[in-house]
Amino acid sequence: QFVFVDFFASWCSHCRNLAPTWETLAEVMDAAAEHAIQKNHRYNDEEYEKAVHLERPVLIAKVDCVLHGDLCTEQNIRGYPTLRLFVDGEPHGGGDYRGDRLIIVLTDYLAAVEEEVKKTKGGKLAAADSLAKSVHTLEDGESVTGPLKNHRRKAQAWKDEEHPGCQLSGFLMVGMCNQ
């Protein structure tokens, strides 16, 4: 089981900029699952939803560290956004994701990790990677077709040196008052 988590803070502008891309990545994973089961679609609605869940290559999740500070502290989250892949409940040994925040690059990364973990080709992530490449391009004019045709947002290229991120250090004292 692969779970890719965006640890974010609602006040962080970098996190807000990533949000549309993260939502689209989740939709790519759902579309890959739907594509995998459409060939043999003889399900009622409830069975169909369960089949999509089982075929989803990667569960895409997000955790608001403002609301779930204990979890983020436990996970040693020190900057936002932090993108971390979990494989079978454990953080992937390659460390947090630090690459470009483009759908194609994210699916390439996930497919590479799947290949590394499973040591076989043709896994569920390879299908999602292929779907993302057929839907999105890296050229100036984004080509949008297929199941994601309503998503016309293009992620900007991410350059770490231009965006040091929101780094946390020290303590924050908050006073509470009764009204």
N, C-alpha and C. Protein backbone atom coordinates (compact mmCIF):
# COMPACT_ATOMS: atom_id res chain seq x y z
N GLN A 1 0.84 -1.18 0.00
CA GLN A 1 0.00 0.00 0.00
C GLN A 1 0.88 1.24 0.00
N PHE A 2 0.63 2.14 -0.94
CA PHE A 2 1.36 3.40 -1.06
C PHE A 2 0.44 4.53 -0.63
N VAL A 3 0.93 5.41 0.25
CA VAL A 3 0.20 6.60 0.67
C VAL A 3 1.15 7.78 0.55
N PHE A 4 0.76 8.76 -0.25
CA PHE A 4 1.58 9.96 -0.47
C PHE A 4 0.90 11.11 0.27
N VAL A 5 1.59 11.69 1.25
CA VAL A 5 0.97 12.66 2.15
C VAL A 5 1.61 14.03 1.98
N ASP A 6 0.74 15.04 1.89
CA ASP A 6 1.14 16.44 1.90
C ASP A 6 0.90 16.95 3.31
N PHE A 7 1.98 17.18 4.07
CA PHE A 7 1.88 17.79 5.38
C PHE A 7 1.97 19.29 5.15
N PHE A 8 0.90 20.02 5.48
CA PHE A 8 0.84 21.44 5.14
C PHE A 8 0.33 22.25 6.33
N ALA A 9 0.47 23.56 6.19
CA ALA A 9 -0.12 24.51 7.14
C ALA A 9 -0.99 25.46 6.34
N SER A 10 -2.18 25.71 6.83
CA SER A 10 -3.14 26.52 6.08
C SER A 10 -2.64 27.95 5.85
N TRP A 11 -1.74 28.44 6.68
CA TRP A 11 -1.23 29.80 6.53
C TRP A 11 -0.06 29.90 5.55
N CYS A 12 0.45 28.78 5.08
CA CYS A 12 1.65 28.76 4.23
C CYS A 12 1.28 28.99 2.76
N SER A 13 1.86 30.02 2.15
CA SER A 13 1.54 30.33 0.75
C SER A 13 2.03 29.24 -0.20
N HIS A 14 3.15 28.61 0.11
CA HIS A 14 3.66 27.52 -0.74
C HIS A 14 2.68 26.35 -0.73
N CYS A 15 2.09 26.11 0.42
CA CYS A 15 1.10 25.03 0.54
C CYS A 15 -0.15 25.34 -0.27
N ARG A 16 -0.60 26.59 -0.21
CA ARG A 16 -1.78 27.00 -0.98
C ARG A 16 -1.51 26.88 -2.48
N ASN A 17 -0.28 27.19 -2.90
CA ASN A 17 0.07 27.07 -4.31
C ASN A 17 0.10 25.61 -4.77
N LEU A 18 0.47 24.71 -3.87
CA LEU A 18 0.54 23.29 -4.21
C LEU A 18 -0.84 22.63 -4.26
N ALA A 19 -1.81 23.17 -3.55
CA ALA A 19 -3.12 22.52 -3.38
C ALA A 19 -3.79 22.09 -4.70
N PRO A 20 -3.88 22.92 -5.73
CA PRO A 20 -4.53 22.46 -6.97
C PRO A 20 -3.80 21.29 -7.63
N THR A 21 -2.48 21.30 -7.58
CA THR A 21 -1.70 20.19 -8.15
C THR A 21 -1.95 18.92 -7.36
N TRP A 22 -2.00 19.04 -6.04
CA TRP A 22 -2.21 17.87 -5.17
C TRP A 22 -3.60 17.27 -5.42
N GLU A 23 -4.60 18.11 -5.60
CA GLU A 23 -5.96 17.62 -5.90
C GLU A 23 -5.98 16.91 -7.26
N THR A 24 -5.29 17.48 -8.23
CA THR A 24 -5.24 16.85 -9.56
C THR A 24 -4.51 15.51 -9.50
N LEU A 25 -3.44 15.42 -8.71
CA LEU A 25 -2.74 14.15 -8.55
C LEU A 25 -3.68 13.09 -7.97
N ALA A 26 -4.49 13.47 -7.01
CA ALA A 26 -5.47 12.53 -6.44
C ALA A 26 -6.46 12.08 -7.51
N GLU A 27 -6.88 13.00 -8.36
CA GLU A 27 -7.81 12.66 -9.43
C GLU A 27 -7.16 11.74 -10.47
N VAL A 28 -5.86 11.93 -10.73
CA VAL A 28 -5.13 11.03 -11.65
C VAL A 28 -5.15 9.61 -11.08
N MET A 29 -4.92 9.47 -9.79
CA MET A 29 -4.93 8.13 -9.17
C MET A 29 -6.31 7.51 -9.25
N ASP A 30 -7.36 8.31 -9.01
CA ASP A 30 -8.73 7.79 -9.13
C ASP A 30 -9.04 7.40 -10.58
N ALA A 31 -8.61 8.24 -11.52
CA ALA A 31 -8.85 7.95 -12.94
C ALA A 31 -8.13 6.67 -13.37
N ALA A 32 -6.92 6.46 -12.85
CA ALA A 32 -6.18 5.23 -13.17
C ALA A 32 -6.92 4.01 -12.63
N ALA A 33 -7.49 4.14 -11.44
CA ALA A 33 -8.25 3.03 -10.86
C ALA A 33 -9.52 2.77 -11.67
N GLU A 34 -10.21 3.83 -12.04
CA GLU A 34 -11.43 3.67 -12.84
C GLU A 34 -11.11 3.04 -14.19
N HIS A 35 -10.02 3.49 -14.79
CA HIS A 35 -9.61 2.94 -16.09
C HIS A 35 -9.32 1.44 -15.97
N ALA A 36 -8.71 1.04 -14.86
CA ALA A 36 -8.35 -0.37 -14.65
C ALA A 36 -9.58 -1.26 -14.51
N ILE A 37 -10.66 -0.74 -13.93
CA ILE A 37 -11.83 -1.60 -13.70
C ILE A 37 -12.92 -1.44 -14.75
N GLN A 38 -12.84 -0.43 -15.61
CA GLN A 38 -13.89 -0.22 -16.61
C GLN A 38 -14.01 -1.35 -17.61
N LYS A 39 -12.93 -2.05 -17.84
CA LYS A 39 -12.96 -3.13 -18.81
C LYS A 39 -13.94 -4.22 -18.40
N ASN A 40 -14.06 -4.45 -17.13
CA ASN A 40 -14.95 -5.51 -16.62
C ASN A 40 -16.01 -4.92 -15.70
N HIS A 41 -16.60 -3.79 -16.06
CA HIS A 41 -17.55 -3.10 -15.19
C HIS A 41 -18.90 -3.84 -15.18
N ARG A 42 -19.10 -4.60 -14.14
CA ARG A 42 -20.40 -5.24 -13.90
C ARG A 42 -20.73 -5.11 -12.42
N TYR A 43 -20.53 -3.91 -11.91
CA TYR A 43 -20.71 -3.66 -10.50
C TYR A 43 -21.91 -2.76 -10.27
N ASN A 44 -22.53 -2.89 -9.08
CA ASN A 44 -23.48 -1.87 -8.68
C ASN A 44 -22.65 -0.70 -8.15
N ASP A 45 -23.29 0.42 -7.78
CA ASP A 45 -22.54 1.62 -7.39
C ASP A 45 -21.62 1.37 -6.19
N GLU A 46 -22.11 0.68 -5.19
CA GLU A 46 -21.30 0.42 -3.99
C GLU A 46 -20.09 -0.47 -4.32
N GLU A 47 -20.31 -1.50 -5.11
CA GLU A 47 -19.22 -2.39 -5.50
C GLU A 47 -18.19 -1.64 -6.36
N TYR A 48 -18.69 -0.76 -7.22
CA TYR A 48 -17.81 0.02 -8.08
C TYR A 48 -16.88 0.90 -7.24
N GLU A 49 -17.43 1.60 -6.24
CA GLU A 49 -16.62 2.45 -5.37
C GLU A 49 -15.56 1.63 -4.63
N LYS A 50 -15.93 0.45 -4.16
CA LYS A 50 -14.96 -0.42 -3.47
C LYS A 50 -13.88 -0.89 -4.44
N ALA A 51 -14.28 -1.22 -5.67
CA ALA A 51 -13.30 -1.67 -6.67
C ALA A 51 -12.32 -0.55 -7.01
N VAL A 52 -12.82 0.69 -7.14
CA VAL A 52 -11.95 1.83 -7.42
C VAL A 52 -10.96 2.00 -6.27
N HIS A 53 -11.46 1.88 -5.04
CA HIS A 53 -10.58 2.02 -3.87
C HIS A 53 -9.47 0.96 -3.89
N LEU A 54 -9.82 -0.26 -4.23
CA LEU A 54 -8.83 -1.35 -4.24
C LEU A 54 -7.82 -1.19 -5.37
N GLU A 55 -8.24 -0.61 -6.49
CA GLU A 55 -7.35 -0.48 -7.64
C GLU A 55 -6.55 0.82 -7.64
N ARG A 56 -6.83 1.73 -6.70
CA ARG A 56 -6.13 3.02 -6.67
C ARG A 56 -4.64 2.75 -6.45
N PRO A 57 -3.77 3.23 -7.35
CA PRO A 57 -2.35 2.95 -7.23
C PRO A 57 -1.72 3.54 -5.96
N VAL A 58 -2.09 4.77 -5.64
CA VAL A 58 -1.56 5.45 -4.47
C VAL A 58 -2.68 6.25 -3.84
N LEU A 59 -2.80 6.16 -2.54
CA LEU A 59 -3.74 7.00 -1.82
C LEU A 59 -3.06 8.34 -1.62
N ILE A 60 -3.69 9.41 -2.10
CA ILE A 60 -3.16 10.76 -1.97
C ILE A 60 -3.87 11.40 -0.79
N ALA A 61 -3.10 11.87 0.18
CA ALA A 61 -3.69 12.42 1.40
C ALA A 61 -3.02 13.73 1.76
N LYS A 62 -3.67 14.46 2.65
CA LYS A 62 -3.04 15.67 3.17
C LYS A 62 -3.39 15.82 4.64
N VAL A 63 -2.45 16.38 5.39
CA VAL A 63 -2.60 16.57 6.83
C VAL A 63 -2.33 18.04 7.14
N ASP A 64 -3.31 18.70 7.75
CA ASP A 64 -3.15 20.09 8.18
C ASP A 64 -2.42 20.07 9.52
N CYS A 65 -1.18 20.51 9.52
CA CYS A 65 -0.36 20.46 10.73
C CYS A 65 -0.79 21.49 11.77
N VAL A 66 -1.60 22.46 11.37
CA VAL A 66 -2.16 23.39 12.35
C VAL A 66 -3.19 22.66 13.21
N LEU A 67 -4.02 21.83 12.57
CA LEU A 67 -5.05 21.09 13.28
C LEU A 67 -4.53 19.80 13.91
N HIS A 68 -3.51 19.21 13.32
CA HIS A 68 -2.99 17.91 13.78
C HIS A 68 -1.50 18.04 14.11
N GLY A 69 -1.20 18.98 14.99
CA GLY A 69 0.18 19.27 15.36
C GLY A 69 0.91 18.09 15.97
N ASP A 70 0.20 17.30 16.79
CA ASP A 70 0.85 16.15 17.43
C ASP A 70 1.34 15.14 16.39
N LEU A 71 0.51 14.88 15.39
CA LEU A 71 0.91 13.94 14.33
C LEU A 71 2.11 14.48 13.56
N CYS A 72 2.09 15.76 13.25
CA CYS A 72 3.20 16.36 12.49
C CYS A 72 4.48 16.38 13.32
N THR A 73 4.36 16.62 14.62
CA THR A 73 5.53 16.56 15.49
C THR A 73 6.07 15.14 15.54
N GLU A 74 5.17 14.17 15.66
CA GLU A 74 5.57 12.75 15.68
C GLU A 74 6.28 12.37 14.38
N GLN A 75 5.85 12.94 13.27
CA GLN A 75 6.46 12.65 11.96
C GLN A 75 7.68 13.53 11.68
N ASN A 76 8.05 14.39 12.65
CA ASN A 76 9.23 15.24 12.53
C ASN A 76 9.13 16.19 11.33
N ILE A 77 7.95 16.78 11.15
CA ILE A 77 7.73 17.73 10.06
C ILE A 77 8.27 19.08 10.52
N ARG A 78 9.22 19.65 9.75
CA ARG A 78 9.87 20.89 10.15
C ARG A 78 9.67 22.03 9.15
N GLY A 79 9.09 21.75 8.01
CA GLY A 79 8.85 22.78 7.01
C GLY A 79 7.63 22.42 6.18
N TYR A 80 7.03 23.43 5.55
CA TYR A 80 5.81 23.20 4.78
C TYR A 80 5.98 23.69 3.36
N PRO A 81 5.40 23.03 2.40
CA PRO A 81 4.79 21.70 2.53
C PRO A 81 5.87 20.61 2.54
N THR A 82 5.60 19.55 3.26
CA THR A 82 6.45 18.37 3.25
C THR A 82 5.67 17.25 2.57
N LEU A 83 6.23 16.70 1.51
CA LEU A 83 5.59 15.61 0.77
C LEU A 83 6.33 14.33 1.13
N ARG A 84 5.61 13.39 1.75
CA ARG A 84 6.24 12.16 2.22
C ARG A 84 5.44 10.95 1.73
N LEU A 85 6.17 10.00 1.17
CA LEU A 85 5.57 8.76 0.69
C LEU A 85 5.73 7.68 1.76
N PHE A 86 4.63 7.01 2.06
CA PHE A 86 4.65 5.89 2.99
C PHE A 86 4.40 4.62 2.19
N VAL A 87 5.21 3.60 2.44
CA VAL A 87 5.07 2.31 1.79
C VAL A 87 4.82 1.29 2.90
N ASP A 88 3.66 0.66 2.84
CA ASP A 88 3.25 -0.30 3.87
C ASP A 88 3.35 0.29 5.27
N GLY A 89 2.92 1.55 5.41
CA GLY A 89 2.84 2.20 6.71
C GLY A 89 4.12 2.84 7.20
N GLU A 90 5.22 2.69 6.48
CA GLU A 90 6.51 3.25 6.89
C GLU A 90 6.96 4.30 5.87
N PRO A 91 7.62 5.37 6.34
CA PRO A 91 8.14 6.36 5.38
C PRO A 91 9.12 5.69 4.41
N HIS A 92 9.00 6.06 3.13
CA HIS A 92 9.89 5.52 2.11
C HIS A 92 11.32 5.91 2.44
N GLY A 93 12.23 4.97 2.32
CA GLY A 93 13.63 5.17 2.69
C GLY A 93 14.35 6.24 1.91
N GLY A 94 13.82 6.65 0.77
CA GLY A 94 14.48 7.68 -0.03
C GLY A 94 14.32 9.08 0.52
N GLY A 95 13.61 9.24 1.62
CA GLY A 95 13.40 10.56 2.20
C GLY A 95 12.20 11.27 1.61
N ASP A 96 11.96 12.48 2.09
CA ASP A 96 10.82 13.26 1.61
C ASP A 96 11.04 13.66 0.15
N TYR A 97 9.93 13.84 -0.56
CA TYR A 97 9.98 14.23 -1.97
C TYR A 97 10.40 15.70 -2.06
N ARG A 98 11.41 15.97 -2.89
CA ARG A 98 11.90 17.34 -3.04
C ARG A 98 11.94 17.78 -4.51
N GLY A 99 11.33 17.00 -5.39
CA GLY A 99 11.37 17.33 -6.81
C GLY A 99 10.34 18.36 -7.22
N ASP A 100 10.21 18.53 -8.53
CA ASP A 100 9.24 19.47 -9.09
C ASP A 100 7.82 19.09 -8.71
N ARG A 101 7.00 20.08 -8.61
CA ARG A 101 5.59 19.86 -8.25
C ARG A 101 4.72 19.88 -9.51
N LEU A 102 5.03 19.02 -10.46
CA LEU A 102 4.26 18.84 -11.69
C LEU A 102 3.67 17.44 -11.68
N ILE A 103 2.48 17.28 -12.21
CA ILE A 103 1.79 15.99 -12.20
C ILE A 103 2.67 14.90 -12.81
N ILE A 104 3.24 15.18 -13.96
CA ILE A 104 4.05 14.16 -14.65
C ILE A 104 5.27 13.77 -13.81
N VAL A 105 5.92 14.75 -13.21
CA VAL A 105 7.10 14.47 -12.41
C VAL A 105 6.71 13.68 -11.16
N LEU A 106 5.59 14.04 -10.54
CA LEU A 106 5.13 13.32 -9.36
C LEU A 106 4.79 11.86 -9.69
N THR A 107 4.10 11.64 -10.82
CA THR A 107 3.76 10.25 -11.18
C THR A 107 5.00 9.47 -11.60
N ASP A 108 5.96 10.14 -12.24
CA ASP A 108 7.24 9.47 -12.56
C ASP A 108 7.92 9.01 -11.28
N TYR A 109 7.95 9.87 -10.28
CA TYR A 109 8.56 9.54 -8.99
C TYR A 109 7.85 8.34 -8.36
N LEU A 110 6.52 8.38 -8.34
CA LEU A 110 5.76 7.29 -7.74
C LEU A 110 5.97 5.98 -8.48
N ALA A 111 6.01 6.04 -9.82
CA ALA A 111 6.23 4.83 -10.61
C ALA A 111 7.63 4.28 -10.35
N ALA A 112 8.62 5.16 -10.22
CA ALA A 112 9.99 4.71 -9.94
C ALA A 112 10.08 4.04 -8.57
N VAL A 113 9.40 4.61 -7.58
CA VAL A 113 9.40 4.01 -6.25
C VAL A 113 8.71 2.66 -6.27
N GLU A 114 7.59 2.57 -7.00
CA GLU A 114 6.89 1.29 -7.10
C GLU A 114 7.81 0.23 -7.71
N GLU A 115 8.50 0.61 -8.77
CA GLU A 115 9.41 -0.34 -9.42
C GLU A 115 10.52 -0.76 -8.46
N GLU A 116 11.03 0.19 -7.72
CA GLU A 116 12.08 -0.09 -6.74
C GLU A 116 11.56 -1.03 -5.65
N VAL A 117 10.35 -0.77 -5.16
CA VAL A 117 9.79 -1.56 -4.07
C VAL A 117 9.37 -2.95 -4.54
N LYS A 118 8.70 -3.01 -5.64
CA LYS A 118 8.16 -4.30 -6.10
C LYS A 118 9.10 -5.07 -7.02
N LYS A 119 10.10 -4.39 -7.59
CA LYS A 119 11.07 -5.03 -8.50
C LYS A 119 10.39 -5.74 -9.68
N THR A 120 9.21 -5.26 -10.04
CA THR A 120 8.51 -5.79 -11.21
C THR A 120 7.94 -4.64 -12.01
N LYS A 121 7.74 -4.85 -13.28
CA LYS A 121 7.14 -3.83 -14.12
C LYS A 121 5.64 -4.05 -14.24
N GLY A 122 4.95 -3.00 -14.67
CA GLY A 122 3.53 -3.12 -14.94
C GLY A 122 2.64 -3.03 -13.72
N GLY A 123 3.11 -2.42 -12.64
CA GLY A 123 2.29 -2.25 -11.45
C GLY A 123 1.22 -1.19 -11.67
N LYS A 124 0.44 -0.95 -10.66
CA LYS A 124 -0.65 0.02 -10.75
C LYS A 124 -0.13 1.42 -11.03
N LEU A 125 1.04 1.77 -10.50
CA LEU A 125 1.56 3.12 -10.70
C LEU A 125 2.05 3.34 -12.11
N ALA A 126 2.50 2.32 -12.78
CA ALA A 126 2.92 2.47 -14.17
C ALA A 126 1.73 2.92 -15.01
N ALA A 127 0.53 2.40 -14.70
CA ALA A 127 -0.68 2.80 -15.42
C ALA A 127 -1.02 4.26 -15.14
N ALA A 128 -0.87 4.70 -13.88
CA ALA A 128 -1.15 6.10 -13.53
C ALA A 128 -0.14 7.02 -14.20
N ASP A 129 1.12 6.62 -14.25
CA ASP A 129 2.16 7.42 -14.90
C ASP A 129 1.86 7.57 -16.38
N SER A 130 1.46 6.48 -17.00
CA SER A 130 1.12 6.51 -18.42
C SER A 130 -0.08 7.42 -18.67
N LEU A 131 -1.10 7.33 -17.80
CA LEU A 131 -2.29 8.17 -17.94
C LEU A 131 -1.92 9.64 -17.79
N ALA A 132 -1.10 9.97 -16.80
CA ALA A 132 -0.71 11.36 -16.58
C ALA A 132 0.04 11.90 -17.80
N LYS A 133 0.90 11.08 -18.39
CA LYS A 133 1.65 11.53 -19.56
C LYS A 133 0.74 11.72 -20.78
N SER A 134 -0.34 10.94 -20.85
CA SER A 134 -1.25 11.12 -21.98
C SER A 134 -2.13 12.34 -21.79
N VAL A 135 -2.25 12.84 -20.57
CA VAL A 135 -3.14 13.95 -20.28
C VAL A 135 -2.40 15.27 -20.17
N HIS A 136 -1.20 15.26 -19.59
CA HIS A 136 -0.45 16.48 -19.34
C HIS A 136 0.84 16.48 -20.15
N THR A 137 1.26 17.67 -20.54
CA THR A 137 2.56 17.81 -21.19
C THR A 137 3.36 18.87 -20.45
N LEU A 138 4.66 18.88 -20.67
CA LEU A 138 5.52 19.86 -20.02
C LEU A 138 5.81 21.05 -20.93
N GLU A 139 5.24 21.09 -22.10
CA GLU A 139 5.50 22.17 -23.03
C GLU A 139 4.65 23.39 -22.67
N ASP A 140 4.86 24.48 -23.38
CA ASP A 140 4.15 25.72 -23.06
C ASP A 140 2.64 25.55 -23.08
N GLY A 141 2.09 24.89 -24.10
CA GLY A 141 0.65 24.69 -24.17
C GLY A 141 0.30 23.33 -23.61
N GLU A 142 -0.41 23.32 -22.49
CA GLU A 142 -0.72 22.04 -21.86
C GLU A 142 -1.81 21.32 -22.66
N SER A 143 -1.58 20.09 -22.98
CA SER A 143 -2.54 19.26 -23.68
C SER A 143 -3.41 18.55 -22.64
N VAL A 144 -4.70 18.75 -22.73
CA VAL A 144 -5.60 18.14 -21.75
C VAL A 144 -6.65 17.33 -22.49
N THR A 145 -6.64 16.02 -22.26
CA THR A 145 -7.60 15.13 -22.89
C THR A 145 -8.02 14.07 -21.90
N GLY A 146 -8.94 13.24 -22.30
CA GLY A 146 -9.32 12.09 -21.49
C GLY A 146 -10.07 12.44 -20.23
N PRO A 147 -9.94 11.60 -19.18
CA PRO A 147 -10.76 11.75 -17.99
C PRO A 147 -10.49 13.01 -17.19
N LEU A 148 -9.38 13.70 -17.43
CA LEU A 148 -9.07 14.88 -16.65
C LEU A 148 -9.22 16.16 -17.47
N LYS A 149 -10.04 16.15 -18.50
CA LYS A 149 -10.12 17.28 -19.41
C LYS A 149 -10.63 18.55 -18.74
N ASN A 150 -11.31 18.47 -17.60
CA ASN A 150 -11.81 19.66 -16.93
C ASN A 150 -10.75 20.33 -16.07
N HIS A 151 -9.57 19.74 -15.94
CA HIS A 151 -8.53 20.29 -15.10
C HIS A 151 -7.47 20.93 -15.98
N ARG A 152 -7.55 22.24 -16.11
CA ARG A 152 -6.67 22.96 -17.03
C ARG A 152 -5.60 23.76 -16.29
N ARG A 153 -5.39 23.47 -15.04
CA ARG A 153 -4.35 24.16 -14.29
C ARG A 153 -3.00 23.55 -14.62
N LYS A 154 -2.03 24.40 -14.84
CA LYS A 154 -0.67 23.92 -15.07
C LYS A 154 0.19 24.35 -13.89
N ALA A 155 0.84 23.41 -13.27
CA ALA A 155 1.70 23.72 -12.14
C ALA A 155 2.93 24.45 -12.63
N GLN A 156 3.40 25.39 -11.85
CA GLN A 156 4.61 26.11 -12.20
C GLN A 156 5.81 25.28 -11.81
N ALA A 157 6.89 25.47 -12.52
CA ALA A 157 8.12 24.75 -12.19
C ALA A 157 8.59 25.19 -10.81
N TRP A 158 8.98 24.26 -9.99
CA TRP A 158 9.41 24.53 -8.63
C TRP A 158 10.92 24.60 -8.58
N LYS A 159 11.45 25.68 -8.05
CA LYS A 159 12.89 25.85 -7.90
C LYS A 159 13.15 26.12 -6.42
N ASP A 160 13.80 25.17 -5.74
CA ASP A 160 14.02 25.28 -4.31
C ASP A 160 14.71 26.59 -3.92
N GLU A 161 15.67 27.04 -4.74
CA GLU A 161 16.41 28.24 -4.39
C GLU A 161 15.52 29.49 -4.39
N GLU A 162 14.41 29.48 -5.15
CA GLU A 162 13.49 30.60 -5.18
C GLU A 162 12.45 30.52 -4.08
N HIS A 163 12.26 29.34 -3.51
CA HIS A 163 11.22 29.13 -2.51
C HIS A 163 11.79 28.35 -1.32
N PRO A 164 12.38 29.04 -0.39
CA PRO A 164 12.97 28.30 0.73
C PRO A 164 11.93 27.62 1.60
N GLY A 165 10.66 27.94 1.42
CA GLY A 165 9.61 27.29 2.21
C GLY A 165 9.41 27.98 3.55
N CYS A 166 8.47 27.50 4.25
CA CYS A 166 8.16 28.03 5.56
C CYS A 166 8.85 27.15 6.58
N GLN A 167 9.95 27.59 7.12
CA GLN A 167 10.72 26.82 8.07
C GLN A 167 10.32 27.23 9.48
N LEU A 168 10.09 26.26 10.32
CA LEU A 168 9.71 26.53 11.70
C LEU A 168 10.89 26.33 12.61
N SER A 169 11.02 27.21 13.56
CA SER A 169 12.09 27.09 14.52
C SER A 169 11.66 27.84 15.77
N GLY A 170 11.98 27.30 16.94
CA GLY A 170 11.67 28.00 18.17
C GLY A 170 10.29 27.66 18.71
N PHE A 171 9.74 28.60 19.48
CA PHE A 171 8.48 28.38 20.16
C PHE A 171 7.49 29.47 19.78
N LEU A 172 6.22 29.15 19.85
CA LEU A 172 5.16 30.10 19.62
C LEU A 172 4.26 30.09 20.85
N MET A 173 4.14 31.21 21.50
CA MET A 173 3.31 31.31 22.69
C MET A 173 2.00 31.98 22.29
N VAL A 174 0.90 31.34 22.58
CA VAL A 174 -0.41 31.86 22.21
C VAL A 174 -1.20 32.06 23.49
N GLY A 175 -1.70 33.25 23.69
CA GLY A 175 -2.53 33.54 24.85
C GLY A 175 -3.99 33.30 24.53
N MET A 176 -4.72 32.72 25.44
CA MET A 176 -6.14 32.46 25.27
C MET A 176 -6.91 33.43 26.17
N CYS A 177 -7.99 33.98 25.67
CA CYS A 177 -8.81 34.85 26.51
C CYS A 177 -10.25 34.39 26.38
N ASN A 178 -10.99 34.55 27.44
CA ASN A 178 -12.41 34.18 27.45
C ASN A 178 -13.23 35.39 27.11
N GLN A 179 -14.19 35.19 26.24
CA GLN A 179 -15.06 36.30 25.86
C GLN A 179 -16.47 35.99 26.24
